[in-house]
């Protein structure tokens, strides 16, 4: 993805769509809660599985950080052995390396 395309990923929704497309292209199974209003507060935006890897990603716009509930989930999942990330549009090169 070119730098100009990455710059266009300004919203979490745009970033998520790009990540989901890339992940599916590389045969990851992807789960995202469609309507999180009745779900546990803070659970990560994406769960990605491609054995032997299990990955959780919280997606943020530039300048935003995870809430304390989101960070608590990421910390607990990482302590259980899951690979956890906080990804922003500026992380696109790392996202590509992780998913390809």
PDB file of N, CA and C in Angstrom:
ATOM      1  N   UNK A   1       0.862  -1.171   0.000  1.00  0.00           N
ATOM      2  CA  UNK A   1       0.000   0.000   0.000  1.00  0.00           C
ATOM      3  C   UNK A   1       0.902   1.226   0.000  1.00  0.00           C
ATOM      4  N   UNK A   2       0.613   2.168  -0.841  1.00  0.00           N
ATOM      5  CA  UNK A   2       1.457   3.354  -0.962  1.00  0.00           C
ATOM      6  C   UNK A   2       1.231   4.307   0.205  1.00  0.00           C
ATOM      7  N   UNK A   3       2.180   5.238   0.370  1.00  0.00           N
ATOM      8  CA  UNK A   3       2.077   6.216   1.460  1.00  0.00           C
ATOM      9  C   UNK A   3       0.807   7.047   1.337  1.00  0.00           C
ATOM     10  N   UNK A   4       0.407   7.400   0.120  1.00  0.00           N
ATOM     11  CA  UNK A   4      -0.803   8.206  -0.051  1.00  0.00           C
ATOM     12  C   UNK A   4      -2.043   7.436   0.377  1.00  0.00           C
ATOM     13  N   UNK A   5      -2.060   6.126   0.133  1.00  0.00           N
ATOM     14  CA  UNK A   5      -3.197   5.312   0.568  1.00  0.00           C
ATOM     15  C   UNK A   5      -3.210   5.210   2.082  1.00  0.00           C
ATOM     16  N   UNK A   6      -2.051   5.012   2.682  1.00  0.00           N
ATOM     17  CA  UNK A   6      -1.972   4.942   4.142  1.00  0.00           C
ATOM     18  C   UNK A   6      -2.452   6.246   4.749  1.00  0.00           C
ATOM     19  N   UNK A   7      -2.092   7.368   4.149  1.00  0.00           N
ATOM     20  CA  UNK A   7      -2.545   8.665   4.648  1.00  0.00           C
ATOM     21  C   UNK A   7      -4.063   8.789   4.599  1.00  0.00           C
ATOM     22  N   UNK A   8      -4.702   8.075   3.676  1.00  0.00           N
ATOM     23  CA  UNK A   8      -6.156   8.123   3.549  1.00  0.00           C
ATOM     24  C   UNK A   8      -6.857   7.312   4.635  1.00  0.00           C
ATOM     25  N   UNK A   9      -6.118   6.477   5.356  1.00  0.00           N
ATOM     26  CA  UNK A   9      -6.707   5.651   6.408  1.00  0.00           C
ATOM     27  C   UNK A   9      -6.842   6.472   7.685  1.00  0.00           C
ATOM     28  N   UNK A  10      -7.705   7.463   7.655  1.00  0.00           N
ATOM     29  CA  UNK A  10      -7.805   8.374   8.790  1.00  0.00           C
ATOM     30  C   UNK A  10      -8.757   7.885   9.868  1.00  0.00           C
ATOM     31  N   UNK A  11      -9.741   7.092   9.508  1.00  0.00           N
ATOM     32  CA  UNK A  11     -10.691   6.623  10.514  1.00  0.00           C
ATOM     33  C   UNK A  11     -10.352   5.187  10.909  1.00  0.00           C
ATOM     34  N   UNK A  12     -10.823   4.805  12.079  1.00  0.00           N
ATOM     35  CA  UNK A  12     -10.639   3.415  12.511  1.00  0.00           C
ATOM     36  C   UNK A  12     -11.361   2.468  11.555  1.00  0.00           C
ATOM     37  N   UNK A  13     -12.502   2.883  11.040  1.00  0.00           N
ATOM     38  CA  UNK A  13     -13.259   2.032  10.114  1.00  0.00           C
ATOM     39  C   UNK A  13     -12.469   1.785   8.830  1.00  0.00           C
ATOM     40  N   UNK A  14     -11.822   2.827   8.293  1.00  0.00           N
ATOM     41  CA  UNK A  14     -10.999   2.662   7.086  1.00  0.00           C
ATOM     42  C   UNK A  14      -9.816   1.745   7.365  1.00  0.00           C
ATOM     43  N   UNK A  15      -9.163   1.948   8.506  1.00  0.00           N
ATOM     44  CA  UNK A  15      -8.032   1.114   8.880  1.00  0.00           C
ATOM     45  C   UNK A  15      -8.478  -0.334   9.045  1.00  0.00           C
ATOM     46  N   UNK A  16      -9.594  -0.523   9.712  1.00  0.00           N
ATOM     47  CA  UNK A  16     -10.093  -1.873   9.923  1.00  0.00           C
ATOM     48  C   UNK A  16     -10.389  -2.566   8.593  1.00  0.00           C
ATOM     49  N   UNK A  17     -11.035  -1.881   7.678  1.00  0.00           N
ATOM     50  CA  UNK A  17     -11.363  -2.475   6.381  1.00  0.00           C
ATOM     51  C   UNK A  17     -10.091  -2.891   5.646  1.00  0.00           C
ATOM     52  N   UNK A  18      -9.060  -2.054   5.684  1.00  0.00           N
ATOM     53  CA  UNK A  18      -7.798  -2.379   5.013  1.00  0.00           C
ATOM     54  C   UNK A  18      -7.125  -3.586   5.671  1.00  0.00           C
ATOM     55  N   UNK A  19      -7.149  -3.642   7.000  1.00  0.00           N
ATOM     56  CA  UNK A  19      -6.542  -4.770   7.716  1.00  0.00           C
ATOM     57  C   UNK A  19      -7.300  -6.055   7.420  1.00  0.00           C
ATOM     58  N   UNK A  20      -8.615  -6.006   7.459  1.00  0.00           N
ATOM     59  CA  UNK A  20      -9.422  -7.200   7.190  1.00  0.00           C
ATOM     60  C   UNK A  20      -9.161  -7.701   5.776  1.00  0.00           C
ATOM     61  N   UNK A  21      -9.102  -6.801   4.812  1.00  0.00           N
ATOM     62  CA  UNK A  21      -8.807  -7.209   3.429  1.00  0.00           C
ATOM     63  C   UNK A  21      -7.446  -7.880   3.329  1.00  0.00           C
ATOM     64  N   UNK A  22      -6.435  -7.271   3.934  1.00  0.00           N
ATOM     65  CA  UNK A  22      -5.085  -7.836   3.896  1.00  0.00           C
ATOM     66  C   UNK A  22      -5.043  -9.188   4.598  1.00  0.00           C
ATOM     67  N   UNK A  23      -5.668  -9.273   5.752  1.00  0.00           N
ATOM     68  CA  UNK A  23      -5.659 -10.525   6.520  1.00  0.00           C
ATOM     69  C   UNK A  23      -6.330 -11.654   5.733  1.00  0.00           C
ATOM     70  N   UNK A  24      -7.468 -11.377   5.159  1.00  0.00           N
ATOM     71  CA  UNK A  24      -8.170 -12.416   4.405  1.00  0.00           C
ATOM     72  C   UNK A  24      -7.386 -12.831   3.167  1.00  0.00           C
ATOM     73  N   UNK A  25      -6.716 -11.880   2.547  1.00  0.00           N
ATOM     74  CA  UNK A  25      -5.872 -12.187   1.401  1.00  0.00           C
ATOM     75  C   UNK A  25      -4.788 -13.197   1.772  1.00  0.00           C
ATOM     76  N   UNK A  26      -4.322 -13.113   3.014  1.00  0.00           N
ATOM     77  CA  UNK A  26      -3.256 -14.002   3.488  1.00  0.00           C
ATOM     78  C   UNK A  26      -3.792 -15.119   4.383  1.00  0.00           C
ATOM     79  N   UNK A  27      -5.059 -15.427   4.203  1.00  0.00           N
ATOM     80  CA  UNK A  27      -5.721 -16.587   4.808  1.00  0.00           C
ATOM     81  C   UNK A  27      -5.819 -16.569   6.334  1.00  0.00           C
ATOM     82  N   UNK A  28      -5.949 -15.385   6.897  1.00  0.00           N
ATOM     83  CA  UNK A  28      -6.261 -15.273   8.316  1.00  0.00           C
ATOM     84  C   UNK A  28      -7.771 -15.386   8.475  1.00  0.00           C
ATOM     85  N   UNK A  29      -8.218 -15.985   9.556  1.00  0.00           N
ATOM     86  CA  UNK A  29      -9.622 -15.919   9.948  1.00  0.00           C
ATOM     87  C   UNK A  29      -9.761 -14.651  10.768  1.00  0.00           C
ATOM     88  N   UNK A  30     -10.798 -13.890  10.503  1.00  0.00           N
ATOM     89  CA  UNK A  30     -10.974 -12.576  11.129  1.00  0.00           C
ATOM     90  C   UNK A  30     -12.323 -12.516  11.827  1.00  0.00           C
ATOM     91  N   UNK A  31     -12.311 -12.023  13.064  1.00  0.00           N
ATOM     92  CA  UNK A  31     -13.556 -11.803  13.788  1.00  0.00           C
ATOM     93  C   UNK A  31     -13.582 -10.378  14.306  1.00  0.00           C
ATOM     94  N   UNK A  32     -14.726  -9.742  14.116  1.00  0.00           N
ATOM     95  CA  UNK A  32     -14.979  -8.407  14.647  1.00  0.00           C
ATOM     96  C   UNK A  32     -16.417  -8.380  15.140  1.00  0.00           C
ATOM     97  N   UNK A  33     -16.629  -7.885  16.341  1.00  0.00           N
ATOM     98  CA  UNK A  33     -17.983  -7.763  16.874  1.00  0.00           C
ATOM     99  C   UNK A  33     -18.692  -6.660  16.102  1.00  0.00           C
ATOM    100  N   UNK A  34     -19.804  -7.013  15.461  1.00  0.00           N
ATOM    101  CA  UNK A  34     -20.529  -6.041  14.646  1.00  0.00           C
ATOM    102  C   UNK A  34     -21.104  -4.909  15.491  1.00  0.00           C
ATOM    103  N   UNK A  35     -21.748  -5.249  16.605  1.00  0.00           N
ATOM    104  CA  UNK A  35     -22.373  -4.256  17.471  1.00  0.00           C
ATOM    105  C   UNK A  35     -21.921  -4.530  18.903  1.00  0.00           C
ATOM    106  N   UNK A  36     -20.948  -3.757  19.368  1.00  0.00           N
ATOM    107  CA  UNK A  36     -20.311  -4.031  20.655  1.00  0.00           C
ATOM    108  C   UNK A  36     -21.072  -3.462  21.851  1.00  0.00           C
ATOM    109  N   UNK A  37     -22.210  -2.852  21.631  1.00  0.00           N
ATOM    110  CA  UNK A  37     -22.924  -2.216  22.750  1.00  0.00           C
ATOM    111  C   UNK A  37     -23.327  -3.189  23.849  1.00  0.00           C
ATOM    112  N   UNK A  38     -23.485  -4.467  23.514  1.00  0.00           N
ATOM    113  CA  UNK A  38     -23.865  -5.450  24.523  1.00  0.00           C
ATOM    114  C   UNK A  38     -22.710  -6.389  24.863  1.00  0.00           C
ATOM    115  N   UNK A  39     -21.540  -6.038  24.439  1.00  0.00           N
ATOM    116  CA  UNK A  39     -20.355  -6.865  24.692  1.00  0.00           C
ATOM    117  C   UNK A  39     -19.557  -6.300  25.852  1.00  0.00           C
ATOM    118  N   UNK A  40     -18.617  -7.107  26.314  1.00  0.00           N
ATOM    119  CA  UNK A  40     -17.720  -6.679  27.387  1.00  0.00           C
ATOM    120  C   UNK A  40     -16.951  -5.436  26.948  1.00  0.00           C
ATOM    121  N   UNK A  41     -16.976  -4.425  27.787  1.00  0.00           N
ATOM    122  CA  UNK A  41     -16.303  -3.159  27.476  1.00  0.00           C
ATOM    123  C   UNK A  41     -14.792  -3.377  27.317  1.00  0.00           C
ATOM    124  N   UNK A  42     -14.245  -2.824  26.231  1.00  0.00           N
ATOM    125  CA  UNK A  42     -12.804  -2.816  26.045  1.00  0.00           C
ATOM    126  C   UNK A  42     -12.227  -3.964  25.237  1.00  0.00           C
ATOM    127  N   UNK A  43     -13.049  -4.974  24.866  1.00  0.00           N
ATOM    128  CA  UNK A  43     -12.506  -6.102  24.110  1.00  0.00           C
ATOM    129  C   UNK A  43     -11.938  -5.593  22.787  1.00  0.00           C
ATOM    130  N   UNK A  44     -10.789  -6.139  22.343  1.00  0.00           N
ATOM    131  CA  UNK A  44     -10.130  -5.617  21.136  1.00  0.00           C
ATOM    132  C   UNK A  44     -11.019  -5.650  19.896  1.00  0.00           C
ATOM    133  N   UNK A  45     -10.716  -4.750  18.964  1.00  0.00           N
ATOM    134  CA  UNK A  45     -11.496  -4.606  17.737  1.00  0.00           C
ATOM    135  C   UNK A  45     -11.453  -5.844  16.858  1.00  0.00           C
ATOM    136  N   UNK A  46     -10.283  -6.458  16.739  1.00  0.00           N
ATOM    137  CA  UNK A  46     -10.133  -7.594  15.835  1.00  0.00           C
ATOM    138  C   UNK A  46      -9.477  -8.776  16.528  1.00  0.00           C
ATOM    139  N   UNK A  47      -9.975  -9.954  16.195  1.00  0.00           N
ATOM    140  CA  UNK A  47      -9.344 -11.216  16.575  1.00  0.00           C
ATOM    141  C   UNK A  47      -8.963 -11.887  15.253  1.00  0.00           C
ATOM    142  N   UNK A  48      -7.697 -12.231  15.090  1.00  0.00           N
ATOM    143  CA  UNK A  48      -7.206 -12.848  13.859  1.00  0.00           C
ATOM    144  C   UNK A  48      -6.512 -14.159  14.200  1.00  0.00           C
ATOM    145  N   UNK A  49      -6.825 -15.188  13.424  1.00  0.00           N
ATOM    146  CA  UNK A  49      -6.253 -16.515  13.669  1.00  0.00           C
ATOM    147  C   UNK A  49      -5.733 -17.083  12.361  1.00  0.00           C
ATOM    148  N   UNK A  50      -4.496 -17.499  12.394  1.00  0.00           N
ATOM    149  CA  UNK A  50      -3.884 -18.307  11.336  1.00  0.00           C
ATOM    150  C   UNK A  50      -2.887 -19.195  12.053  1.00  0.00           C
ATOM    151  N   UNK A  51      -3.330 -20.429  12.364  1.00  0.00           N
ATOM    152  CA  UNK A  51      -2.498 -21.310  13.187  1.00  0.00           C
ATOM    153  C   UNK A  51      -1.065 -21.365  12.674  1.00  0.00           C
ATOM    154  N   UNK A  52      -0.130 -21.271  13.607  1.00  0.00           N
ATOM    155  CA  UNK A  52      -0.288 -21.385  15.058  1.00  0.00           C
ATOM    156  C   UNK A  52      -0.487 -20.047  15.771  1.00  0.00           C
ATOM    157  N   UNK A  53      -0.781 -18.981  15.045  1.00  0.00           N
ATOM    158  CA  UNK A  53      -0.850 -17.659  15.655  1.00  0.00           C
ATOM    159  C   UNK A  53      -2.277 -17.245  15.990  1.00  0.00           C
ATOM    160  N   UNK A  54      -2.392 -16.578  17.139  1.00  0.00           N
ATOM    161  CA  UNK A  54      -3.626 -15.949  17.590  1.00  0.00           C
ATOM    162  C   UNK A  54      -3.277 -14.504  17.903  1.00  0.00           C
ATOM    163  N   UNK A  55      -3.959 -13.587  17.260  1.00  0.00           N
ATOM    164  CA  UNK A  55      -3.590 -12.183  17.341  1.00  0.00           C
ATOM    165  C   UNK A  55      -4.829 -11.342  17.655  1.00  0.00           C
ATOM    166  N   UNK A  56      -4.673 -10.367  18.542  1.00  0.00           N
ATOM    167  CA  UNK A  56      -5.731  -9.408  18.843  1.00  0.00           C
ATOM    168  C   UNK A  56      -5.200  -8.021  18.521  1.00  0.00           C
ATOM    169  N   UNK A  57      -6.054  -7.191  17.929  1.00  0.00           N
ATOM    170  CA  UNK A  57      -5.631  -5.840  17.556  1.00  0.00           C
ATOM    171  C   UNK A  57      -6.673  -4.819  17.982  1.00  0.00           C
ATOM    172  N   UNK A  58      -6.214  -3.799  18.660  1.00  0.00           N
ATOM    173  CA  UNK A  58      -7.026  -2.630  18.974  1.00  0.00           C
ATOM    174  C   UNK A  58      -6.625  -1.556  17.965  1.00  0.00           C
ATOM    175  N   UNK A  59      -7.594  -0.979  17.295  1.00  0.00           N
ATOM    176  CA  UNK A  59      -7.327  -0.013  16.240  1.00  0.00           C
ATOM    177  C   UNK A  59      -7.610   1.391  16.737  1.00  0.00           C
ATOM    178  N   UNK A  60      -6.698   2.300  16.417  1.00  0.00           N
ATOM    179  CA  UNK A  60      -6.820   3.678  16.888  1.00  0.00           C
ATOM    180  C   UNK A  60      -6.444   4.660  15.793  1.00  0.00           C
ATOM    181  N   UNK A  61      -7.105   5.791  15.802  1.00  0.00           N
ATOM    182  CA  UNK A  61      -6.697   6.897  14.930  1.00  0.00           C
ATOM    183  C   UNK A  61      -5.428   7.512  15.501  1.00  0.00           C
ATOM    184  N   UNK A  62      -4.730   8.247  14.672  1.00  0.00           N
ATOM    185  CA  UNK A  62      -3.528   8.952  15.104  1.00  0.00           C
ATOM    186  C   UNK A  62      -3.855   9.845  16.297  1.00  0.00           C
ATOM    187  N   UNK A  63      -3.029   9.776  17.323  1.00  0.00           N
ATOM    188  CA  UNK A  63      -3.219  10.614  18.495  1.00  0.00           C
ATOM    189  C   UNK A  63      -4.136  10.038  19.559  1.00  0.00           C
ATOM    190  N   UNK A  64      -4.701   8.872  19.301  1.00  0.00           N
ATOM    191  CA  UNK A  64      -5.584   8.239  20.279  1.00  0.00           C
ATOM    192  C   UNK A  64      -4.873   7.051  20.911  1.00  0.00           C
ATOM    193  N   UNK A  65      -5.167   6.810  22.175  1.00  0.00           N
ATOM    194  CA  UNK A  65      -4.602   5.674  22.900  1.00  0.00           C
ATOM    195  C   UNK A  65      -5.739   4.773  23.382  1.00  0.00           C
ATOM    196  N   UNK A  66      -5.426   3.516  23.671  1.00  0.00           N
ATOM    197  CA  UNK A  66      -6.461   2.634  24.210  1.00  0.00           C
ATOM    198  C   UNK A  66      -6.991   3.160  25.541  1.00  0.00           C
ATOM    199  N   UNK A  67      -8.270   2.914  25.784  1.00  0.00           N
ATOM    200  CA  UNK A  67      -8.842   3.248  27.087  1.00  0.00           C
ATOM    201  C   UNK A  67      -8.252   2.287  28.118  1.00  0.00           C
ATOM    202  N   UNK A  68      -8.487   2.557  29.378  1.00  0.00           N
ATOM    203  CA  UNK A  68      -7.970   1.658  30.411  1.00  0.00           C
ATOM    204  C   UNK A  68      -8.611   0.273  30.277  1.00  0.00           C
ATOM    205  N   UNK A  69      -9.898   0.199  29.918  1.00  0.00           N
ATOM    206  CA  UNK A  69     -10.554  -1.102  29.731  1.00  0.00           C
ATOM    207  C   UNK A  69      -9.938  -1.849  28.547  1.00  0.00           C
ATOM    208  N   UNK A  70      -9.643  -1.138  27.471  1.00  0.00           N
ATOM    209  CA  UNK A  70      -9.009  -1.774  26.310  1.00  0.00           C
ATOM    210  C   UNK A  70      -7.619  -2.277  26.652  1.00  0.00           C
ATOM    211  N   UNK A  71      -6.846  -1.461  27.382  1.00  0.00           N
ATOM    212  CA  UNK A  71      -5.495  -1.876  27.750  1.00  0.00           C
ATOM    213  C   UNK A  71      -5.525  -3.053  28.706  1.00  0.00           C
ATOM    214  N   UNK A  72      -6.500  -3.079  29.616  1.00  0.00           N
ATOM    215  CA  UNK A  72      -6.641  -4.214  30.534  1.00  0.00           C
ATOM    216  C   UNK A  72      -6.864  -5.508  29.758  1.00  0.00           C
ATOM    217  N   UNK A  73      -7.735  -5.474  28.729  1.00  0.00           N
ATOM    218  CA  UNK A  73      -7.968  -6.659  27.899  1.00  0.00           C
ATOM    219  C   UNK A  73      -6.693  -7.070  27.166  1.00  0.00           C
ATOM    220  N   UNK A  74      -6.011  -6.115  26.562  1.00  0.00           N
ATOM    221  CA  UNK A  74      -4.781  -6.436  25.830  1.00  0.00           C
ATOM    222  C   UNK A  74      -3.743  -7.056  26.761  1.00  0.00           C
ATOM    223  N   UNK A  75      -3.610  -6.496  27.962  1.00  0.00           N
ATOM    224  CA  UNK A  75      -2.646  -7.028  28.928  1.00  0.00           C
ATOM    225  C   UNK A  75      -3.010  -8.450  29.355  1.00  0.00           C
ATOM    226  N   UNK A  76      -4.299  -8.694  29.610  1.00  0.00           N
ATOM    227  CA  UNK A  76      -4.735 -10.029  30.031  1.00  0.00           C
ATOM    228  C   UNK A  76      -4.543 -11.048  28.908  1.00  0.00           C
ATOM    229  N   UNK A  77      -4.880 -10.676  27.683  1.00  0.00           N
ATOM    230  CA  UNK A  77      -4.710 -11.582  26.550  1.00  0.00           C
ATOM    231  C   UNK A  77      -3.230 -11.884  26.301  1.00  0.00           C
ATOM    232  N   UNK A  78      -2.391 -10.860  26.416  1.00  0.00           N
ATOM    233  CA  UNK A  78      -0.948 -11.063  26.238  1.00  0.00           C
ATOM    234  C   UNK A  78      -0.399 -11.967  27.339  1.00  0.00           C
ATOM    235  N   UNK A  79      -0.872 -11.784  28.565  1.00  0.00           N
ATOM    236  CA  UNK A  79      -0.416 -12.630  29.676  1.00  0.00           C
ATOM    237  C   UNK A  79      -0.819 -14.085  29.459  1.00  0.00           C
ATOM    238  N   UNK A  80      -1.896 -14.304  28.702  1.00  0.00           N
ATOM    239  CA  UNK A  80      -2.350 -15.658  28.397  1.00  0.00           C
ATOM    240  C   UNK A  80      -1.651 -16.236  27.166  1.00  0.00           C
ATOM    241  N   UNK A  81      -0.747 -15.465  26.568  1.00  0.00           N
ATOM    242  CA  UNK A  81       0.036 -15.964  25.444  1.00  0.00           C
ATOM    243  C   UNK A  81      -0.381 -15.470  24.077  1.00  0.00           C
ATOM    244  N   UNK A  82      -1.403 -14.651  23.996  1.00  0.00           N
ATOM    245  CA  UNK A  82      -1.836 -14.121  22.703  1.00  0.00           C
ATOM    246  C   UNK A  82      -0.919 -12.988  22.257  1.00  0.00           C
ATOM    247  N   UNK A  83      -0.822 -12.834  20.961  1.00  0.00           N
ATOM    248  CA  UNK A  83      -0.081 -11.726  20.357  1.00  0.00           C
ATOM    249  C   UNK A  83      -1.033 -10.535  20.286  1.00  0.00           C
ATOM    250  N   UNK A  84      -0.659  -9.409  20.883  1.00  0.00           N
ATOM    251  CA  UNK A  84      -1.557  -8.251  20.954  1.00  0.00           C
ATOM    252  C   UNK A  84      -0.887  -7.009  20.370  1.00  0.00           C
ATOM    253  N   UNK A  85      -1.697  -6.204  19.685  1.00  0.00           N
ATOM    254  CA  UNK A  85      -1.186  -4.995  19.028  1.00  0.00           C
ATOM    255  C   UNK A  85      -2.165  -3.849  19.203  1.00  0.00           C
ATOM    256  N   UNK A  86      -1.629  -2.647  19.234  1.00  0.00           N
ATOM    257  CA  UNK A  86      -2.408  -1.426  19.051  1.00  0.00           C
ATOM    258  C   UNK A  86      -1.901  -0.857  17.734  1.00  0.00           C
ATOM    259  N   UNK A  87      -2.798  -0.788  16.755  1.00  0.00           N
ATOM    260  CA  UNK A  87      -2.402  -0.354  15.417  1.00  0.00           C
ATOM    261  C   UNK A  87      -3.088   0.939  15.028  1.00  0.00           C
ATOM    262  N   UNK A  88      -2.280   1.837  14.436  1.00  0.00           N
ATOM    263  CA  UNK A  88      -2.754   3.098  13.876  1.00  0.00           C
ATOM    264  C   UNK A  88      -2.394   3.108  12.393  1.00  0.00           C
ATOM    265  N   UNK A  89      -2.972   3.997  11.605  1.00  0.00           N
ATOM    266  CA  UNK A  89      -2.609   4.039  10.186  1.00  0.00           C
ATOM    267  C   UNK A  89      -1.099   4.146   9.942  1.00  0.00           C
ATOM    268  N   UNK A  90      -0.405   4.850  10.797  1.00  0.00           N
ATOM    269  CA  UNK A  90       1.048   4.999  10.632  1.00  0.00           C
ATOM    270  C   UNK A  90       1.797   3.683  10.842  1.00  0.00           C
ATOM    271  N   UNK A  91       1.132   2.678  11.388  1.00  0.00           N
ATOM    272  CA  UNK A  91       1.749   1.367  11.613  1.00  0.00           C
ATOM    273  C   UNK A  91       1.599   0.437  10.410  1.00  0.00           C
ATOM    274  N   UNK A  92       1.097   0.950   9.285  1.00  0.00           N
ATOM    275  CA  UNK A  92       0.803   0.073   8.158  1.00  0.00           C
ATOM    276  C   UNK A  92       1.974  -0.822   7.752  1.00  0.00           C
ATOM    277  N   UNK A  93       3.214  -0.335   7.663  1.00  0.00           N
ATOM    278  CA  UNK A  93       4.299  -1.254   7.310  1.00  0.00           C
ATOM    279  C   UNK A  93       4.438  -2.424   8.288  1.00  0.00           C
ATOM    280  N   UNK A  94       4.278  -2.175   9.575  1.00  0.00           N
ATOM    281  CA  UNK A  94       4.347  -3.240  10.576  1.00  0.00           C
ATOM    282  C   UNK A  94       3.148  -4.171  10.455  1.00  0.00           C
ATOM    283  N   UNK A  95       1.990  -3.636  10.142  1.00  0.00           N
ATOM    284  CA  UNK A  95       0.795  -4.453   9.956  1.00  0.00           C
ATOM    285  C   UNK A  95       1.014  -5.418   8.787  1.00  0.00           C
ATOM    286  N   UNK A  96       1.548  -4.895   7.693  1.00  0.00           N
ATOM    287  CA  UNK A  96       1.837  -5.738   6.531  1.00  0.00           C
ATOM    288  C   UNK A  96       2.822  -6.850   6.887  1.00  0.00           C
ATOM    289  N   UNK A  97       3.886  -6.494   7.615  1.00  0.00           N
ATOM    290  CA  UNK A  97       4.863  -7.515   8.014  1.00  0.00           C
ATOM    291  C   UNK A  97       4.218  -8.582   8.906  1.00  0.00           C
ATOM    292  N   UNK A  98       3.344  -8.170   9.782  1.00  0.00           N
ATOM    293  CA  UNK A  98       2.706  -9.101  10.709  1.00  0.00           C
ATOM    294  C   UNK A  98       1.755 -10.063  10.003  1.00  0.00           C
ATOM    295  N   UNK A  99       1.024  -9.569   9.036  1.00  0.00           N
ATOM    296  CA  UNK A  99      -0.032 -10.377   8.417  1.00  0.00           C
ATOM    297  C   UNK A  99       0.387 -11.109   7.136  1.00  0.00           C
ATOM    298  N   UNK A 100       1.568 -10.809   6.614  1.00  0.00           N
ATOM    299  CA  UNK A 100       1.976 -11.489   5.367  1.00  0.00           C
ATOM    300  C   UNK A 100       3.009 -12.554   5.630  1.00  0.00           C
TER     301      UNK A 100
END
